[in-house]
C-alpha atoms as a PDB file:
ATOM      1  CA  MET A   1     134.763 120.241  80.018  1.00  0.00           C
ATOM      2  CA  SER A   2     137.934 118.355  81.789  1.00  0.00           C
ATOM      3  CA  LEU A   3     139.154 115.406  79.943  1.00  0.00           C
ATOM      4  CA  GLU A   4     138.689 112.745  82.429  1.00  0.00           C
ATOM      5  CA  LYS A   5     134.580 113.075  82.711  1.00  0.00           C
ATOM      6  CA  ARG A   6     134.712 113.155  78.684  1.00  0.00           C
ATOM      7  CA  HIS A   7     135.651 109.412  78.994  1.00  0.00           C
ATOM      8  CA  ASP A   8     133.401 108.118  81.573  1.00  0.00           C
ATOM      9  CA  TRP A   9     130.764 110.115  79.940  1.00  0.00           C
ATOM     10  CA  TRP A  10     131.176 108.640  76.359  1.00  0.00           C
ATOM     11  CA  ARG A  11     131.105 105.087  77.690  1.00  0.00           C
ATOM     12  CA  VAL A  12     128.128 106.000  79.459  1.00  0.00           C
ATOM     13  CA  THR A  13     126.244 107.278  76.122  1.00  0.00           C
ATOM     14  CA  GLY A  14     128.189 107.021  73.182  1.00  0.00           C
ATOM     15  CA  HIS A  15     128.432 110.517  72.464  1.00  0.00           C
ATOM     16  CA  ASP A  16     131.799 111.226  71.072  1.00  0.00           C
ATOM     17  CA  GLY A  17     131.603 114.764  70.594  1.00  0.00           C
ATOM     18  CA  THR A  18     131.807 118.099  72.569  1.00  0.00           C
ATOM     19  CA  TRP A  19     130.244 117.787  76.364  1.00  0.00           C
ATOM     20  CA  LEU A  20     128.932 121.265  77.985  1.00  0.00           C
ATOM     21  CA  ILE A  21     128.591 121.833  81.752  1.00  0.00           C
ATOM     22  CA  PRO A  22     126.379 124.581  83.095  1.00  0.00           C
ATOM     23  CA  ASP A  23     128.120 127.350  84.539  1.00  0.00           C
ATOM     24  CA  TRP A  24     126.086 126.795  88.143  1.00  0.00           C
ATOM     25  CA  GLU A  25     127.897 129.844  89.583  1.00  0.00           C
ATOM     26  CA  ALA A  26     126.638 132.420  86.655  1.00  0.00           C
ATOM     27  CA  VAL A  27     123.193 130.499  87.135  1.00  0.00           C
ATOM     28  CA  ALA A  28     123.400 131.366  91.307  1.00  0.00           C
ATOM     29  CA  ALA A  29     124.020 134.782  90.228  1.00  0.00           C
ATOM     30  CA  ASP A  30     120.246 135.365  89.019  1.00  0.00           C
ATOM     31  CA  TYR A  31     118.527 132.100  90.861  1.00  0.00           C
ATOM     32  CA  ASP A  32     118.493 130.715  94.534  1.00  0.00           C
ATOM     33  CA  ALA A  33     118.021 126.831  93.252  1.00  0.00           C
ATOM     34  CA  ALA A  34     117.141 125.043  90.395  1.00  0.00           C
ATOM     35  CA  HIS A  35     114.691 122.712  90.919  1.00  0.00           C
ATOM     36  CA  LEU A  36     113.896 119.187  88.837  1.00  0.00           C
ATOM     37  CA  THR A  37     110.978 116.958  89.361  1.00  0.00           C
ATOM     38  CA  ALA A  38     111.340 113.318  89.791  1.00  0.00           C
ATOM     39  CA  LEU A  39     109.759 112.459  86.330  1.00  0.00           C
ATOM     40  CA  GLY A  40     112.322 114.661  85.208  1.00  0.00           C
ATOM     41  CA  TYR A  41     115.324 113.322  86.767  1.00  0.00           C
ATOM     42  CA  LEU A  42     114.290 109.730  86.056  1.00  0.00           C
ATOM     43  CA  THR A  43     113.527 110.729  82.397  1.00  0.00           C
ATOM     44  CA  THR A  44     117.287 112.188  82.176  1.00  0.00           C
ATOM     45  CA  ALA A  45     119.617 110.662  84.464  1.00  0.00           C
ATOM     46  CA  GLY A  46     122.696 109.178  82.481  1.00  0.00           C
ATOM     47  CA  ARG A  47     121.098 110.136  79.415  1.00  0.00           C
ATOM     48  CA  LYS A  48     122.791 112.305  76.606  1.00  0.00           C
ATOM     49  CA  LEU A  49     120.959 115.488  76.147  1.00  0.00           C
ATOM     50  CA  ALA A  50     121.224 116.853  72.758  1.00  0.00           C
ATOM     51  CA  ALA A  51     122.493 120.714  72.090  1.00  0.00           C
ATOM     52  CA  ALA A  52     123.541 122.906  69.606  1.00  0.00           C
ATOM     53  CA  GLY A  53     125.599 120.746  66.849  1.00  0.00           C
ATOM     54  CA  ARG A  54     127.515 118.007  67.774  1.00  0.00           C
ATOM     55  CA  MET A  55     127.302 119.050  71.268  1.00  0.00           C
ATOM     56  CA  ALA A  56     125.661 117.116  74.405  1.00  0.00           C
ATOM     57  CA  THR A  57     125.506 117.423  78.007  1.00  0.00           C
ATOM     58  CA  ARG A  58     124.286 115.352  81.125  1.00  0.00           C
ATOM     59  CA  LEU A  59     121.996 115.760  84.328  1.00  0.00           C
END
């Protein structure tokens, strides 16, 4: 992940670890779209989503 996003995401979430960003080009090789419900967006937008170990991602 690029370091310029790491600082911004840390300010929003307080997470001081590794951030993961999905490889959307690889996803696009097998799928036409990724869908999210309104409730899914409202409950995850701006939040840290835990991943393996101390890694995290955001919507």
